[in-house]
Amino acid sequence: VVTLVESGGDSVQTGGSLKLSCVVSGYTYSNYCLGWFRQAPGKEREGVAGIDSHGATTYTDSAKGRFSISQDNASQDNAKMTVYLQMNSLKPEDTAMYYCAADQGSYCIRWFLQHPSNYNGQGTQVTVSS
């Protein structure tokens, strides 16, 4: 069973920072992408950042220069991994529910942020006040 559990969401003021974490368990694909999506009230879900099994990363334009994605593999068979999203210089428009996601494929980094993922977490709320 694949599980994704997010944590780290909070309420911060404009310009503040947060680090989101997602523990991914039971995901044993050798070629994979992990990442973050977000959805604000009344808006469509959008991809924020992704990282693949080789360490390649991708970001939506609004996240470039402010957010940084990284991963930590606790076991060599990928049975347990953690993906992080460091968010700096937060803005009110970053307010959303942030979801961890996972998918597989040799070149998934090319399309990961543009397509729904096979596996998703329950979300963690980020609120940025002005």
N, C-alpha and C. Protein backbone atom coordinates (compact mmCIF):
# COMPACT_ATOMS: atom_id res chain seq x y z
N VAL A 1 0.85 -1.18 0.00
CA VAL A 1 0.00 0.00 0.00
C VAL A 1 0.89 1.24 0.00
N VAL A 2 0.60 2.15 -0.90
CA VAL A 2 1.34 3.40 -0.99
C VAL A 2 0.63 4.46 -0.15
N THR A 3 1.36 5.12 0.72
CA THR A 3 0.80 6.20 1.52
C THR A 3 1.69 7.43 1.42
N LEU A 4 1.06 8.59 1.40
CA LEU A 4 1.76 9.87 1.39
C LEU A 4 1.17 10.71 2.52
N VAL A 5 2.01 11.14 3.44
CA VAL A 5 1.55 11.89 4.60
C VAL A 5 2.32 13.20 4.68
N GLU A 6 1.58 14.30 4.53
CA GLU A 6 2.19 15.64 4.56
C GLU A 6 2.18 16.21 5.98
N SER A 7 3.09 17.13 6.19
CA SER A 7 3.12 17.91 7.43
C SER A 7 3.85 19.21 7.16
N GLY A 8 3.73 20.14 8.11
CA GLY A 8 4.48 21.39 8.01
C GLY A 8 3.67 22.60 7.64
N GLY A 9 2.42 22.42 7.26
CA GLY A 9 1.60 23.58 6.93
C GLY A 9 1.33 24.44 8.16
N ASP A 10 1.17 25.73 7.93
CA ASP A 10 0.97 26.65 9.05
C ASP A 10 0.48 27.98 8.52
N SER A 11 0.24 28.91 9.43
CA SER A 11 -0.11 30.28 9.08
C SER A 11 1.10 31.16 9.31
N VAL A 12 1.48 31.93 8.30
CA VAL A 12 2.64 32.82 8.41
C VAL A 12 2.29 34.16 7.79
N GLN A 13 3.13 35.14 8.05
CA GLN A 13 2.94 36.45 7.45
C GLN A 13 3.71 36.54 6.13
N THR A 14 3.33 37.51 5.33
CA THR A 14 4.01 37.75 4.07
C THR A 14 5.51 37.89 4.29
N GLY A 15 6.27 37.21 3.45
CA GLY A 15 7.72 37.23 3.57
C GLY A 15 8.28 36.12 4.43
N GLY A 16 7.42 35.38 5.09
CA GLY A 16 7.86 34.30 5.96
C GLY A 16 8.24 33.05 5.18
N SER A 17 8.66 32.04 5.92
CA SER A 17 9.10 30.78 5.32
C SER A 17 8.41 29.60 6.00
N LEU A 18 8.27 28.54 5.23
CA LEU A 18 7.76 27.27 5.75
C LEU A 18 8.47 26.13 5.03
N LYS A 19 8.58 25.00 5.71
CA LYS A 19 9.12 23.81 5.07
C LYS A 19 8.11 22.68 5.22
N LEU A 20 7.59 22.24 4.10
CA LEU A 20 6.66 21.13 4.09
C LEU A 20 7.41 19.82 3.93
N SER A 21 6.88 18.78 4.56
CA SER A 21 7.46 17.45 4.46
C SER A 21 6.39 16.46 4.05
N CYS A 22 6.80 15.44 3.34
CA CYS A 22 5.88 14.38 2.95
C CYS A 22 6.62 13.05 3.03
N VAL A 23 6.11 12.16 3.86
CA VAL A 23 6.68 10.82 3.96
C VAL A 23 5.92 9.91 3.01
N VAL A 24 6.65 9.33 2.09
CA VAL A 24 6.08 8.43 1.09
C VAL A 24 6.50 7.01 1.44
N SER A 25 5.53 6.16 1.68
CA SER A 25 5.83 4.78 2.07
C SER A 25 5.25 3.80 1.07
N GLY A 26 5.95 2.69 0.90
CA GLY A 26 5.44 1.63 0.05
C GLY A 26 5.54 1.89 -1.44
N TYR A 27 6.34 2.88 -1.83
CA TYR A 27 6.44 3.25 -3.25
C TYR A 27 7.79 2.75 -3.75
N THR A 28 7.78 1.70 -4.52
CA THR A 28 9.04 1.04 -4.87
C THR A 28 9.42 1.12 -6.34
N TYR A 29 8.81 2.03 -7.09
CA TYR A 29 9.20 2.20 -8.49
C TYR A 29 10.62 2.78 -8.57
N SER A 30 11.38 2.29 -9.52
CA SER A 30 12.76 2.76 -9.64
C SER A 30 12.82 4.12 -10.35
N ASN A 31 11.94 4.38 -11.29
CA ASN A 31 11.87 5.68 -11.96
C ASN A 31 10.58 6.36 -11.52
N TYR A 32 10.71 7.43 -10.80
CA TYR A 32 9.54 8.07 -10.21
C TYR A 32 9.69 9.58 -10.16
N CYS A 33 8.59 10.22 -9.91
CA CYS A 33 8.56 11.64 -9.61
C CYS A 33 7.78 11.85 -8.32
N LEU A 34 8.28 12.72 -7.50
CA LEU A 34 7.58 13.16 -6.28
C LEU A 34 7.42 14.67 -6.36
N GLY A 35 6.40 15.18 -5.73
CA GLY A 35 6.28 16.62 -5.78
C GLY A 35 5.08 17.15 -5.03
N TRP A 36 4.81 18.42 -5.30
CA TRP A 36 3.77 19.15 -4.60
C TRP A 36 2.84 19.86 -5.56
N PHE A 37 1.56 19.75 -5.24
CA PHE A 37 0.52 20.49 -5.92
C PHE A 37 -0.19 21.35 -4.88
N ARG A 38 -0.93 22.32 -5.32
CA ARG A 38 -1.70 23.13 -4.39
C ARG A 38 -3.03 23.51 -5.01
N GLN A 39 -3.99 23.76 -4.12
CA GLN A 39 -5.30 24.20 -4.57
C GLN A 39 -5.85 25.24 -3.61
N ALA A 40 -6.10 26.40 -4.14
CA ALA A 40 -6.71 27.47 -3.36
C ALA A 40 -8.22 27.42 -3.55
N PRO A 41 -8.98 27.98 -2.61
CA PRO A 41 -10.44 27.97 -2.73
C PRO A 41 -10.90 28.62 -4.03
N GLY A 42 -11.75 27.93 -4.76
CA GLY A 42 -12.27 28.46 -6.00
C GLY A 42 -11.35 28.38 -7.19
N LYS A 43 -10.19 27.76 -7.00
CA LYS A 43 -9.21 27.67 -8.09
C LYS A 43 -8.90 26.22 -8.41
N GLU A 44 -8.35 26.02 -9.59
CA GLU A 44 -7.96 24.68 -9.98
C GLU A 44 -6.66 24.27 -9.29
N ARG A 45 -6.49 22.99 -9.17
CA ARG A 45 -5.25 22.47 -8.60
C ARG A 45 -4.10 22.73 -9.57
N GLU A 46 -2.97 23.16 -9.05
CA GLU A 46 -1.81 23.44 -9.89
C GLU A 46 -0.56 22.78 -9.34
N GLY A 47 0.30 22.38 -10.25
CA GLY A 47 1.57 21.82 -9.86
C GLY A 47 2.51 22.90 -9.38
N VAL A 48 3.24 22.64 -8.32
CA VAL A 48 4.15 23.62 -7.74
C VAL A 48 5.61 23.25 -8.00
N ALA A 49 5.98 22.02 -7.63
CA ALA A 49 7.37 21.60 -7.78
C ALA A 49 7.43 20.08 -7.84
N GLY A 50 8.41 19.58 -8.58
CA GLY A 50 8.59 18.14 -8.69
C GLY A 50 10.06 17.77 -8.72
N ILE A 51 10.34 16.54 -8.31
CA ILE A 51 11.71 16.02 -8.34
C ILE A 51 11.64 14.56 -8.75
N ASP A 52 12.60 14.13 -9.59
CA ASP A 52 12.54 12.74 -10.03
C ASP A 52 13.61 11.91 -9.33
N SER A 53 13.65 10.64 -9.68
CA SER A 53 14.54 9.70 -9.02
C SER A 53 16.01 9.98 -9.29
N HIS A 54 16.29 10.83 -10.29
CA HIS A 54 17.67 11.20 -10.60
C HIS A 54 18.04 12.55 -10.01
N GLY A 55 17.09 13.21 -9.36
CA GLY A 55 17.36 14.50 -8.75
C GLY A 55 17.01 15.69 -9.62
N ALA A 56 16.51 15.46 -10.81
CA ALA A 56 16.08 16.58 -11.65
C ALA A 56 14.83 17.22 -11.05
N THR A 57 14.74 18.53 -11.17
CA THR A 57 13.63 19.26 -10.56
C THR A 57 12.89 20.10 -11.59
N THR A 58 11.65 20.44 -11.25
CA THR A 58 10.85 21.32 -12.08
C THR A 58 9.98 22.16 -11.16
N TYR A 59 9.74 23.41 -11.56
CA TYR A 59 8.95 24.33 -10.74
C TYR A 59 7.97 25.09 -11.63
N THR A 60 6.84 25.43 -11.06
CA THR A 60 5.97 26.35 -11.74
C THR A 60 6.61 27.74 -11.68
N ASP A 61 6.25 28.60 -12.60
CA ASP A 61 6.93 29.89 -12.69
C ASP A 61 6.85 30.69 -11.39
N SER A 62 5.71 30.65 -10.72
CA SER A 62 5.54 31.45 -9.51
C SER A 62 6.40 30.94 -8.35
N ALA A 63 6.89 29.73 -8.44
CA ALA A 63 7.70 29.14 -7.38
C ALA A 63 9.20 29.30 -7.61
N LYS A 64 9.58 29.57 -8.83
CA LYS A 64 11.01 29.66 -9.15
C LYS A 64 11.67 30.78 -8.37
N GLY A 65 12.81 30.48 -7.78
CA GLY A 65 13.55 31.46 -7.01
C GLY A 65 13.10 31.60 -5.57
N ARG A 66 11.92 31.06 -5.25
CA ARG A 66 11.41 31.16 -3.87
C ARG A 66 11.28 29.80 -3.19
N PHE A 67 10.92 28.79 -3.96
CA PHE A 67 10.71 27.45 -3.40
C PHE A 67 11.83 26.52 -3.85
N SER A 68 12.09 25.52 -3.00
CA SER A 68 13.11 24.54 -3.32
C SER A 68 12.63 23.15 -2.89
N ILE A 69 12.68 22.21 -3.82
CA ILE A 69 12.24 20.85 -3.52
C ILE A 69 13.46 19.95 -3.34
N SER A 70 13.36 19.01 -2.41
CA SER A 70 14.45 18.06 -2.19
C SER A 70 13.84 16.74 -1.71
N GLN A 71 14.67 15.71 -1.71
CA GLN A 71 14.18 14.41 -1.26
C GLN A 71 15.23 13.70 -0.44
N ASP A 72 14.78 12.78 0.36
CA ASP A 72 15.64 11.98 1.22
C ASP A 72 15.12 10.55 1.17
N ASN A 73 15.95 9.63 0.70
CA ASN A 73 15.53 8.23 0.63
C ASN A 73 16.04 7.48 1.84
N ALA A 74 15.13 7.08 2.70
CA ALA A 74 15.53 6.40 3.93
C ALA A 74 15.95 4.97 3.66
N SER A 75 15.46 4.37 2.58
CA SER A 75 15.83 2.99 2.28
C SER A 75 16.19 2.88 0.82
N GLN A 76 17.13 2.03 0.49
CA GLN A 76 17.64 1.96 -0.87
C GLN A 76 16.63 1.42 -1.86
N ASP A 77 15.61 0.70 -1.38
CA ASP A 77 14.61 0.19 -2.29
C ASP A 77 13.45 1.15 -2.45
N ASN A 78 13.60 2.38 -2.02
CA ASN A 78 12.59 3.44 -2.12
C ASN A 78 11.32 3.13 -1.33
N ALA A 79 11.36 2.15 -0.44
CA ALA A 79 10.15 1.81 0.29
C ALA A 79 9.71 2.94 1.22
N LYS A 80 10.63 3.80 1.59
CA LYS A 80 10.27 4.97 2.39
C LYS A 80 11.13 6.15 1.96
N MET A 81 10.44 7.21 1.53
CA MET A 81 11.14 8.40 1.08
C MET A 81 10.47 9.61 1.70
N THR A 82 11.21 10.68 1.79
CA THR A 82 10.65 11.94 2.26
C THR A 82 10.96 13.01 1.23
N VAL A 83 9.93 13.76 0.86
CA VAL A 83 10.13 14.88 -0.05
C VAL A 83 9.78 16.16 0.69
N TYR A 84 10.62 17.18 0.49
CA TYR A 84 10.47 18.44 1.19
C TYR A 84 10.18 19.57 0.20
N LEU A 85 9.50 20.57 0.70
CA LEU A 85 9.31 21.80 -0.07
C LEU A 85 9.64 22.98 0.84
N GLN A 86 10.80 23.58 0.61
CA GLN A 86 11.18 24.78 1.35
C GLN A 86 10.59 25.97 0.63
N MET A 87 9.79 26.73 1.34
CA MET A 87 9.11 27.88 0.74
C MET A 87 9.56 29.15 1.45
N ASN A 88 10.16 30.05 0.70
CA ASN A 88 10.63 31.32 1.23
C ASN A 88 9.89 32.48 0.57
N SER A 89 9.99 33.63 1.17
CA SER A 89 9.36 34.84 0.62
C SER A 89 7.89 34.59 0.26
N LEU A 90 7.19 34.02 1.20
CA LEU A 90 5.80 33.63 0.94
C LEU A 90 4.91 34.86 0.72
N LYS A 91 3.93 34.67 -0.15
CA LYS A 91 2.99 35.74 -0.50
C LYS A 91 1.57 35.27 -0.20
N PRO A 92 0.65 36.20 -0.03
CA PRO A 92 -0.74 35.79 0.20
C PRO A 92 -1.28 34.86 -0.89
N GLU A 93 -0.83 35.04 -2.11
CA GLU A 93 -1.31 34.18 -3.20
C GLU A 93 -0.77 32.75 -3.12
N ASP A 94 0.14 32.49 -2.19
CA ASP A 94 0.60 31.12 -1.96
C ASP A 94 -0.35 30.36 -1.04
N THR A 95 -1.32 31.06 -0.48
CA THR A 95 -2.29 30.43 0.40
C THR A 95 -3.06 29.34 -0.34
N ALA A 96 -3.02 28.12 0.19
CA ALA A 96 -3.67 26.99 -0.48
C ALA A 96 -3.50 25.74 0.37
N MET A 97 -4.22 24.70 -0.02
CA MET A 97 -3.95 23.37 0.52
C MET A 97 -2.87 22.77 -0.37
N TYR A 98 -1.81 22.30 0.25
CA TYR A 98 -0.69 21.72 -0.48
C TYR A 98 -0.74 20.20 -0.38
N TYR A 99 -0.65 19.56 -1.53
CA TYR A 99 -0.74 18.11 -1.60
C TYR A 99 0.57 17.51 -2.11
N CYS A 100 0.98 16.46 -1.46
CA CYS A 100 2.11 15.68 -1.93
C CYS A 100 1.61 14.69 -2.98
N ALA A 101 2.43 14.41 -3.98
CA ALA A 101 2.00 13.53 -5.05
C ALA A 101 3.15 12.68 -5.54
N ALA A 102 2.82 11.55 -6.14
CA ALA A 102 3.84 10.64 -6.68
C ALA A 102 3.33 10.00 -7.96
N ASP A 103 4.26 9.78 -8.88
CA ASP A 103 3.94 9.11 -10.13
C ASP A 103 5.19 8.43 -10.64
N GLN A 104 5.06 7.65 -11.69
CA GLN A 104 6.23 6.91 -12.17
C GLN A 104 6.38 7.08 -13.68
N GLY A 105 7.59 6.79 -14.15
CA GLY A 105 7.90 6.90 -15.57
C GLY A 105 9.30 7.42 -15.76
N SER A 106 9.95 6.97 -16.81
CA SER A 106 11.35 7.31 -17.04
C SER A 106 11.55 8.82 -17.22
N TYR A 107 10.62 9.50 -17.81
CA TYR A 107 10.74 10.94 -18.07
C TYR A 107 9.60 11.71 -17.45
N CYS A 108 9.14 11.26 -16.30
CA CYS A 108 7.96 11.86 -15.67
C CYS A 108 8.17 13.32 -15.32
N ILE A 109 9.41 13.74 -15.13
CA ILE A 109 9.67 15.14 -14.76
C ILE A 109 9.18 16.08 -15.84
N ARG A 110 9.06 15.59 -17.07
CA ARG A 110 8.63 16.44 -18.18
C ARG A 110 7.16 16.80 -18.11
N TRP A 111 6.35 15.95 -17.50
CA TRP A 111 4.90 16.17 -17.48
C TRP A 111 4.30 16.14 -16.09
N PHE A 112 5.10 15.92 -15.09
CA PHE A 112 4.59 15.66 -13.74
C PHE A 112 3.68 16.78 -13.23
N LEU A 113 4.04 18.04 -13.43
CA LEU A 113 3.25 19.14 -12.89
C LEU A 113 2.00 19.43 -13.71
N GLN A 114 1.92 18.87 -14.90
CA GLN A 114 0.80 19.18 -15.79
C GLN A 114 -0.30 18.13 -15.79
N HIS A 115 -0.08 17.02 -15.09
CA HIS A 115 -1.05 15.93 -15.13
C HIS A 115 -1.39 15.45 -13.72
N PRO A 116 -2.61 14.97 -13.51
CA PRO A 116 -2.95 14.39 -12.21
C PRO A 116 -2.04 13.21 -11.90
N SER A 117 -1.66 13.07 -10.64
CA SER A 117 -0.74 12.01 -10.24
C SER A 117 -1.51 10.77 -9.79
N ASN A 118 -0.83 9.63 -9.87
CA ASN A 118 -1.46 8.38 -9.46
C ASN A 118 -1.69 8.31 -7.95
N TYR A 119 -0.80 8.93 -7.20
CA TYR A 119 -0.88 8.86 -5.75
C TYR A 119 -0.82 10.27 -5.17
N ASN A 120 -1.70 10.54 -4.21
CA ASN A 120 -1.77 11.86 -3.60
C ASN A 120 -2.00 11.74 -2.11
N GLY A 121 -1.47 12.73 -1.37
CA GLY A 121 -1.72 12.78 0.06
C GLY A 121 -3.00 13.51 0.38
N GLN A 122 -3.25 13.71 1.67
CA GLN A 122 -4.49 14.35 2.13
C GLN A 122 -4.36 15.87 2.20
N GLY A 123 -3.15 16.37 2.17
CA GLY A 123 -2.95 17.82 2.12
C GLY A 123 -2.58 18.43 3.45
N THR A 124 -1.90 19.57 3.38
CA THR A 124 -1.56 20.37 4.55
C THR A 124 -1.79 21.83 4.18
N GLN A 125 -2.43 22.57 5.08
CA GLN A 125 -2.86 23.93 4.77
C GLN A 125 -1.74 24.95 5.01
N VAL A 126 -1.55 25.80 4.03
CA VAL A 126 -0.62 26.93 4.14
C VAL A 126 -1.43 28.20 3.99
N THR A 127 -1.32 29.08 4.96
CA THR A 127 -2.02 30.36 4.92
C THR A 127 -1.02 31.48 5.12
N VAL A 128 -1.00 32.41 4.19
CA VAL A 128 -0.08 33.54 4.25
C VAL A 128 -0.92 34.81 4.36
N SER A 129 -0.70 35.54 5.43
CA SER A 129 -1.47 36.76 5.67
C SER A 129 -0.62 37.99 5.36
N SER A 130 -1.30 39.02 4.91
CA SER A 130 -0.59 40.26 4.55
C SER A 130 -0.44 41.19 5.74
